[in-house]
Amino acid sequence: MEWGMRNRLAHLVQRDGKALFLPIDHGYFQGPTHCLERPGETIKPIWKYADALMMTRGILRNCIDPTMPKPIILRVSGAATVVGEDLANEGLITSTKEVIRLNAAAVSMSVFIGSKYEHQSLSNLAQLVDNCENYGIPVMAVTAVGKELERREARYLALCCRVAAEHGARVVKTYYCSDGFEKVVEGCPVPVVVAGGPKTETQRQVFDFVYDSIQKGAVGVNLGRNIWQSEHPVAVIRAIRAIVHEGYMPKEAHELFEKVKAGKS
């Protein structure tokens, strides 16, 4: 792996081998998502606790202070929305030149394995990898399941992650499953980060699945709604960071969450 690729990956996955990514790219298919109507304001109190932020070029250009010293993972797939026929019908919407111009540390795109657009999304991934490898830019594949939430089981997720890695992704983002997640990670030869998905009912549920995913081999998490849709986003992200980078147990993380929420830490 050449120096540029290693350097960019080192900005994402920290020296302890772990990572906490903060995605705010939901508007590319959902529009003005709840609590993300003004992305720049949403991230102000929490960005410093993340290792990298994930977003589209439009939000990066118009909402983010260019002096913010955090690496950017640029979402480069899109052109499908929640009101369209099929969210899986995505295409590449940002050129490699634009990625370089915006100084992104990495790019991300979704792959929809098992959908009628499987071939299209995997071909797009391979094309993106070809383009980005020329410039030492890592590609993170997002194993999307759309509305088919029942597909969050180990056998399917393991297939998605392995296929994404085989097509050249340097990092894979996937969903957590309570049964057999270690097999998902074991079958993927590149680092795996865990997505949050819809907001959970309790904060403790977040801490539990973050901890378990790390124990079972994930290098970190890529959580958005479970952080910035919380009434106490700073407390949540600090607790999650403590699990990812400091080895906190879920109970300890929840205690930290309560202290920060109460203004005692």
Protein backbone atom coordinates (compact mmCIF):
# COMPACT_ATOMS: atom_id res chain seq x y z
CA MET A 1 0.00 0.00 0.00
CA GLU A 2 1.51 3.31 -1.08
CA TRP A 3 2.16 6.16 1.36
CA GLY A 4 -0.80 8.31 0.32
CA MET A 5 -3.31 5.52 0.85
CA ARG A 6 -1.76 4.56 4.18
CA ASN A 7 -1.73 8.19 5.28
CA ARG A 8 -5.39 8.75 4.46
CA LEU A 9 -6.43 5.54 6.19
CA ALA A 10 -4.39 6.56 9.23
CA HIS A 11 -6.45 9.75 9.44
CA LEU A 12 -9.58 7.61 9.61
CA VAL A 13 -8.60 4.59 11.71
CA GLN A 14 -6.66 5.89 14.69
CA ARG A 15 -3.40 4.58 16.17
CA ASP A 16 -5.31 2.28 18.51
CA GLY A 17 -6.82 0.61 15.45
CA LYS A 18 -10.29 1.99 16.18
CA ALA A 19 -12.56 4.60 14.57
CA LEU A 20 -15.66 6.68 15.27
CA PHE A 21 -17.21 8.14 12.13
CA LEU A 22 -20.07 10.67 12.24
CA PRO A 23 -22.31 10.54 9.14
CA ILE A 24 -24.51 13.51 8.24
CA ASP A 25 -25.23 12.45 4.65
CA HIS A 26 -28.85 11.39 5.21
CA GLY A 27 -30.28 14.38 3.34
CA TYR A 28 -29.09 13.07 -0.03
CA PHE A 29 -32.07 10.68 -0.08
CA GLN A 30 -34.26 11.89 2.83
CA GLY A 31 -34.15 15.64 2.36
CA PRO A 32 -34.14 17.81 5.54
CA THR A 33 -33.94 14.96 8.05
CA HIS A 34 -35.13 15.64 11.62
CA CYS A 35 -32.32 17.32 13.60
CA LEU A 36 -30.29 17.67 10.41
CA GLU A 37 -32.18 20.61 8.92
CA ARG A 38 -29.07 22.75 9.51
CA PRO A 39 -26.15 20.31 9.40
CA GLY A 40 -23.48 22.86 10.26
CA GLU A 41 -25.29 23.77 13.47
CA THR A 42 -26.05 20.14 14.32
CA ILE A 43 -22.40 19.11 14.34
CA LYS A 44 -20.96 22.15 16.13
CA PRO A 45 -21.07 20.65 19.64
CA ILE A 46 -20.10 17.10 18.60
CA TRP A 47 -17.69 17.06 15.65
CA LYS A 48 -14.58 17.22 17.85
CA TYR A 49 -15.42 13.82 19.36
CA ALA A 50 -15.54 12.09 15.96
CA ASP A 51 -12.53 10.76 14.05
CA ALA A 52 -14.06 11.64 10.67
CA LEU A 53 -17.30 13.04 9.26
CA MET A 54 -19.23 11.61 6.32
CA MET A 55 -21.28 13.88 4.05
CA THR A 56 -22.07 14.94 0.50
CA ARG A 57 -20.23 17.65 -1.42
CA GLY A 58 -23.19 20.01 -1.20
CA ILE A 59 -23.22 19.98 2.60
CA LEU A 60 -19.44 20.15 2.78
CA ARG A 61 -19.30 23.25 0.56
CA ASN A 62 -22.22 25.13 2.05
CA CYS A 63 -22.44 24.14 5.72
CA ILE A 64 -19.01 23.12 7.01
CA ASP A 65 -16.30 25.47 8.26
CA PRO A 66 -13.21 24.72 6.12
CA THR A 67 -10.98 25.22 9.16
CA MET A 68 -12.54 22.20 10.90
CA PRO A 69 -9.59 19.82 11.44
CA LYS A 70 -11.37 16.54 10.83
CA PRO A 71 -11.04 14.27 7.78
CA ILE A 72 -14.01 14.02 5.45
CA ILE A 73 -15.49 10.85 3.98
CA LEU A 74 -17.30 12.11 0.91
CA ARG A 75 -20.54 10.38 -0.08
CA VAL A 76 -20.34 9.98 -3.87
CA SER A 77 -23.37 7.82 -4.66
CA GLY A 78 -26.94 9.04 -4.94
CA ALA A 79 -29.61 10.10 -7.46
CA ALA A 80 -32.39 8.14 -5.69
CA THR A 81 -34.76 9.33 -2.95
CA VAL A 82 -37.36 8.05 -0.50
CA VAL A 83 -40.14 9.21 -2.82
CA GLY A 84 -38.68 7.51 -5.88
CA GLU A 85 -39.35 4.03 -7.16
CA ASP A 86 -36.35 2.31 -5.57
CA LEU A 87 -33.62 3.62 -3.26
CA ALA A 88 -31.27 1.00 -4.66
CA ASN A 89 -31.24 2.69 -8.06
CA GLU A 90 -28.19 4.82 -7.23
CA GLY A 91 -25.43 6.09 -9.46
CA LEU A 92 -22.08 7.81 -8.95
CA ILE A 93 -22.74 11.53 -8.54
CA THR A 94 -19.32 12.99 -7.77
CA SER A 95 -16.14 12.81 -9.83
CA THR A 96 -12.71 11.87 -8.53
CA LYS A 97 -11.47 15.35 -9.50
CA GLU A 98 -14.12 16.83 -7.24
CA VAL A 99 -13.06 14.52 -4.41
CA ILE A 100 -9.49 15.77 -4.75
CA ARG A 101 -10.62 19.40 -5.08
CA LEU A 102 -12.57 19.09 -1.82
CA ASN A 103 -9.61 17.44 -0.09
CA ALA A 104 -11.59 14.42 1.08
CA ALA A 105 -9.71 11.72 2.97
CA ALA A 106 -11.95 8.95 1.60
CA VAL A 107 -15.14 8.36 -0.36
CA SER A 108 -18.19 6.22 0.34
CA MET A 109 -20.93 4.69 -1.75
CA SER A 110 -23.75 2.19 -1.21
CA VAL A 111 -23.98 -1.29 -2.65
CA PHE A 112 -27.36 -3.02 -2.77
CA ILE A 113 -26.60 -6.72 -2.87
CA GLY A 114 -29.63 -8.90 -3.53
CA SER A 115 -31.63 -6.07 -5.09
CA LYS A 116 -32.48 -5.73 -8.77
CA TYR A 117 -29.76 -3.06 -8.92
CA GLU A 118 -27.04 -5.32 -7.50
CA HIS A 119 -25.03 -5.43 -10.74
CA GLN A 120 -25.28 -1.66 -11.19
CA SER A 121 -24.12 -0.83 -7.66
CA LEU A 122 -21.25 -3.33 -7.69
CA SER A 123 -20.11 -2.14 -11.11
CA ASN A 124 -20.19 1.42 -9.77
CA LEU A 125 -18.10 0.32 -6.79
CA ALA A 126 -15.50 -1.30 -9.03
CA GLN A 127 -15.35 1.81 -11.22
CA LEU A 128 -15.00 4.06 -8.18
CA VAL A 129 -12.20 1.91 -6.78
CA ASP A 130 -10.36 2.01 -10.12
CA ASN A 131 -10.59 5.80 -10.23
CA CYS A 132 -9.69 6.42 -6.60
CA GLU A 133 -6.81 3.96 -6.38
CA ASN A 134 -5.03 6.07 -9.00
CA TYR A 135 -4.85 8.87 -6.42
CA GLY A 136 -4.46 6.86 -3.22
CA ILE A 137 -7.99 7.59 -2.00
CA PRO A 138 -9.67 4.82 0.04
CA VAL A 139 -13.21 3.73 -0.83
CA MET A 140 -15.67 2.76 1.90
CA ALA A 141 -18.49 0.52 0.67
CA VAL A 142 -21.78 0.86 2.53
CA THR A 143 -23.71 -2.42 2.52
CA ALA A 144 -27.18 -0.92 2.30
CA VAL A 145 -30.36 -2.87 2.90
CA GLY A 146 -32.90 -0.09 2.40
CA LYS A 147 -36.33 -1.05 3.73
CA GLU A 148 -35.46 -4.76 3.85
CA LEU A 149 -34.43 -4.63 7.51
CA GLU A 150 -35.02 -8.36 8.00
CA ARG A 151 -31.85 -8.91 5.98
CA ARG A 152 -29.73 -7.83 8.92
CA GLU A 153 -28.59 -11.36 9.65
CA ALA A 154 -25.06 -12.70 9.67
CA ARG A 155 -25.14 -14.82 6.53
CA TYR A 156 -26.39 -11.97 4.34
CA LEU A 157 -24.17 -9.32 5.92
CA ALA A 158 -21.11 -11.57 5.64
CA LEU A 159 -21.82 -12.03 1.95
CA CYS A 160 -22.22 -8.26 1.43
CA CYS A 161 -19.03 -7.35 3.26
CA ARG A 162 -16.91 -9.97 1.53
CA VAL A 163 -18.23 -9.06 -1.91
CA ALA A 164 -17.55 -5.36 -1.27
CA ALA A 165 -13.99 -6.15 -0.19
CA GLU A 166 -13.48 -8.43 -3.20
CA HIS A 167 -14.51 -5.53 -5.45
CA GLY A 168 -11.75 -3.38 -3.91
CA ALA A 169 -13.27 -1.46 -0.99
CA ARG A 170 -10.65 -0.52 1.60
CA VAL A 171 -13.25 -0.23 4.40
CA VAL A 172 -16.76 -1.68 4.68
CA LYS A 173 -19.67 -0.21 6.60
CA THR A 174 -22.36 -2.69 7.53
CA TYR A 175 -25.12 -3.33 10.04
CA TYR A 176 -24.73 -5.06 13.37
CA CYS A 177 -26.48 -8.35 14.10
CA SER A 178 -26.57 -9.87 17.57
CA ASP A 179 -26.18 -13.44 16.34
CA GLY A 180 -22.98 -14.30 14.47
CA PHE A 181 -21.54 -10.83 13.87
CA GLU A 182 -18.04 -12.18 14.47
CA LYS A 183 -18.47 -14.32 11.34
CA VAL A 184 -19.28 -11.18 9.34
CA VAL A 185 -15.98 -9.61 10.41
CA GLU A 186 -13.93 -12.80 10.09
CA GLY A 187 -14.99 -13.22 6.47
CA CYS A 188 -14.07 -9.65 5.49
CA PRO A 189 -10.37 -8.96 4.78
CA VAL A 190 -10.68 -5.18 5.25
CA PRO A 191 -11.74 -3.13 8.32
CA VAL A 192 -15.44 -3.19 9.19
CA VAL A 193 -17.33 -0.30 10.80
CA VAL A 194 -20.87 -0.64 12.10
CA ALA A 195 -23.82 1.47 11.01
CA GLY A 196 -26.41 2.67 13.47
CA GLY A 197 -29.58 2.47 11.41
CA PRO A 198 -32.85 3.88 12.81
CA LYS A 199 -32.71 5.56 16.21
CA THR A 200 -32.95 3.03 19.04
CA GLU A 201 -35.54 3.15 21.83
CA THR A 202 -32.98 3.60 24.62
CA GLN A 203 -29.43 4.93 24.89
CA ARG A 204 -28.29 1.75 26.57
CA GLN A 205 -29.21 -0.23 23.45
CA VAL A 206 -26.75 1.87 21.48
CA PHE A 207 -23.97 1.30 23.99
CA ASP A 208 -24.68 -2.43 24.07
CA PHE A 209 -24.44 -2.98 20.30
CA VAL A 210 -21.43 -0.67 19.93
CA TYR A 211 -19.57 -2.60 22.62
CA ASP A 212 -20.54 -6.01 21.25
CA SER A 213 -19.58 -5.10 17.68
CA ILE A 214 -16.13 -3.95 18.84
CA GLN A 215 -15.68 -7.14 20.87
CA LYS A 216 -16.55 -9.19 17.81
CA GLY A 217 -13.97 -7.51 15.58
CA ALA A 218 -15.33 -4.26 14.14
CA VAL A 219 -12.77 -1.45 14.13
CA GLY A 220 -15.42 1.08 15.00
CA VAL A 221 -18.77 2.63 14.23
CA ASN A 222 -20.39 5.03 11.79
CA LEU A 223 -23.33 6.40 13.78
CA GLY A 224 -25.49 9.40 12.91
CA ARG A 225 -29.13 9.40 14.01
CA ASN A 226 -28.41 7.63 17.28
CA ILE A 227 -26.15 10.58 18.14
CA TRP A 228 -27.54 13.80 16.67
CA GLN A 229 -31.20 12.87 17.06
CA SER A 230 -30.65 12.38 20.77
CA GLU A 231 -31.74 15.07 23.22
CA HIS A 232 -28.18 14.92 24.56
CA PRO A 233 -25.88 14.37 21.56
CA VAL A 234 -22.67 15.40 23.34
CA ALA A 235 -23.30 12.92 26.13
CA VAL A 236 -24.05 10.16 23.63
CA ILE A 237 -21.01 10.67 21.42
CA ARG A 238 -18.69 10.97 24.41
CA ALA A 239 -20.00 7.69 25.80
CA ILE A 240 -19.64 5.96 22.42
CA ARG A 241 -16.13 7.34 22.04
CA ALA A 242 -15.28 5.92 25.46
CA ILE A 243 -16.38 2.45 24.30
CA VAL A 244 -14.54 2.66 20.99
CA HIS A 245 -11.28 4.22 22.14
CA GLU A 246 -11.09 3.68 25.90
CA GLY A 247 -12.53 0.20 26.33
CA TYR A 248 -15.53 1.22 28.40
CA MET A 249 -18.17 -1.42 29.12
CA PRO A 250 -21.78 -0.50 28.27
CA LYS A 251 -22.59 0.11 31.95
CA GLU A 252 -19.59 2.43 32.32
CA ALA A 253 -20.53 4.24 29.11
CA HIS A 254 -24.07 4.75 30.34
CA GLU A 255 -22.75 6.16 33.62
CA LEU A 256 -20.57 8.60 31.65
CA PHE A 257 -23.59 9.52 29.52
CA GLU A 258 -25.59 10.36 32.65
CA LYS A 259 -22.74 12.43 34.11
CA VAL A 260 -22.24 14.45 30.92
CA LYS A 261 -26.00 14.90 30.56
CA ALA A 262 -26.12 16.25 34.11
CA GLY A 263 -23.16 18.57 33.47
CA LYS A 264 -20.92 16.70 35.90
CA SER A 265 -18.22 15.66 33.44
